[in-house]
């Protein structure tokens, strides 16, 4: 199985992000907020707001979430998924965040 996470599978353009915010469904967890909608293929995006801290902390959280998505992209089905990190994510371990993201991915319908 190819575990790469190429740029074609990332949500990077603002039009897609705005569309997800306007027409997407939402699921909330302790550390991650998920906005999603059906799509032809899985596409994933990560957002970290300034409430999470300085650029170093935000980039660290984004790297962690992208890695979790890369390793578990089969869990996301055929959806465009936007993961929004919550400030409580700094208090959680990698394993806790991974379990939460996989659990939230299982709730997508």
Protein backbone atom coordinates (compact mmCIF):
# COMPACT_ATOMS: atom_id res chain seq x y z
CA UNK A 1 0.00 0.00 0.00
CA UNK A 2 1.31 3.42 -0.95
CA UNK A 3 1.36 5.69 2.10
CA UNK A 4 2.42 8.85 0.28
CA UNK A 5 0.40 12.03 0.78
CA UNK A 6 0.85 13.89 -2.51
CA UNK A 7 -0.20 17.49 -3.06
CA UNK A 8 -3.13 16.36 -5.26
CA UNK A 9 -4.78 14.88 -2.16
CA UNK A 10 -4.35 18.04 -0.06
CA UNK A 11 -6.92 20.79 0.15
CA UNK A 12 -4.94 23.96 -0.43
CA UNK A 13 -7.10 26.41 -2.38
CA UNK A 14 -9.35 28.90 -0.59
CA UNK A 15 -12.36 28.20 -2.86
CA UNK A 16 -12.53 24.58 -1.67
CA UNK A 17 -12.04 25.61 1.96
CA UNK A 18 -14.78 28.25 1.68
CA UNK A 19 -17.09 25.66 0.08
CA UNK A 20 -16.45 23.26 2.95
CA UNK A 21 -17.22 25.95 5.52
CA UNK A 22 -20.45 26.90 3.73
CA UNK A 23 -21.83 23.48 2.72
CA UNK A 24 -19.91 20.94 4.78
CA UNK A 25 -21.09 18.84 7.70
CA UNK A 26 -19.37 19.18 11.05
CA UNK A 27 -18.14 16.80 13.73
CA UNK A 28 -16.46 18.00 16.90
CA UNK A 29 -13.90 16.23 19.06
CA UNK A 30 -11.83 17.30 22.04
CA UNK A 31 -8.72 18.22 20.04
CA UNK A 32 -9.91 18.35 16.43
CA UNK A 33 -12.94 19.84 14.70
CA UNK A 34 -13.85 18.18 11.38
CA UNK A 35 -15.70 19.69 8.42
CA UNK A 36 -16.42 17.32 5.53
CA UNK A 37 -18.48 16.72 2.39
CA UNK A 38 -18.72 13.87 -0.14
CA UNK A 39 -16.25 13.88 -3.03
CA UNK A 40 -14.97 11.66 -5.85
CA UNK A 41 -11.73 10.99 -3.99
CA UNK A 42 -10.33 11.60 -0.56
CA UNK A 43 -8.83 15.07 -0.07
CA UNK A 44 -7.55 16.34 3.26
CA UNK A 45 -6.70 19.76 4.65
CA UNK A 46 -5.38 20.99 8.00
CA UNK A 47 -6.02 24.38 9.61
CA UNK A 48 -4.30 25.72 12.72
CA UNK A 49 -5.40 29.14 13.93
CA UNK A 50 -3.28 31.63 15.80
CA UNK A 51 -4.93 30.62 19.06
CA UNK A 52 -2.61 27.58 19.01
CA UNK A 53 0.49 29.68 19.56
CA UNK A 54 3.41 30.88 17.50
CA UNK A 55 4.34 29.57 14.05
CA UNK A 56 6.60 26.85 15.43
CA UNK A 57 3.79 25.33 17.52
CA UNK A 58 1.23 25.65 14.70
CA UNK A 59 3.55 23.99 12.17
CA UNK A 60 4.28 21.16 14.62
CA UNK A 61 0.54 20.49 15.04
CA UNK A 62 0.02 20.60 11.27
CA UNK A 63 2.84 18.08 10.75
CA UNK A 64 1.31 15.74 13.32
CA UNK A 65 -2.18 15.95 11.79
CA UNK A 66 -0.87 15.48 8.24
CA UNK A 67 1.10 12.42 9.35
CA UNK A 68 -1.98 10.92 11.00
CA UNK A 69 -3.97 11.57 7.82
CA UNK A 70 -1.23 10.07 5.67
CA UNK A 71 -1.12 6.87 7.69
CA UNK A 72 -4.91 6.55 7.95
CA UNK A 73 -6.21 8.01 4.68
CA UNK A 74 -8.20 4.85 3.94
CA UNK A 75 -10.38 5.67 6.99
CA UNK A 76 -11.65 8.88 5.37
CA UNK A 77 -13.52 7.20 2.49
CA UNK A 78 -14.56 9.43 -0.39
CA UNK A 79 -14.77 12.78 1.39
CA UNK A 80 -13.12 16.17 1.35
CA UNK A 81 -12.08 16.58 4.97
CA UNK A 82 -10.83 19.68 6.76
CA UNK A 83 -9.23 19.13 10.18
CA UNK A 84 -9.20 22.20 12.42
CA UNK A 85 -6.95 21.92 15.47
CA UNK A 86 -8.30 23.09 18.83
CA UNK A 87 -6.07 24.70 21.50
CA UNK A 88 -6.41 21.63 23.76
CA UNK A 89 -4.36 19.63 21.22
CA UNK A 90 -1.12 20.72 22.94
CA UNK A 91 -2.13 18.85 26.11
CA UNK A 92 -2.66 15.54 24.27
CA UNK A 93 -0.22 12.86 23.22
CA UNK A 94 0.28 11.72 19.63
CA UNK A 95 -1.56 8.46 20.37
CA UNK A 96 -4.58 10.30 21.81
CA UNK A 97 -4.77 12.61 18.80
CA UNK A 98 -4.43 9.66 16.41
CA UNK A 99 -7.22 7.73 18.14
CA UNK A 100 -9.49 10.77 18.06
CA UNK A 101 -8.90 11.49 14.36
CA UNK A 102 -9.53 7.84 13.40
CA UNK A 103 -12.68 7.79 15.57
CA UNK A 104 -13.95 11.00 13.93
CA UNK A 105 -13.12 9.61 10.48
CA UNK A 106 -15.25 6.57 11.30
CA UNK A 107 -18.22 8.86 12.02
CA UNK A 108 -18.19 10.44 8.54
CA UNK A 109 -21.35 9.63 6.57
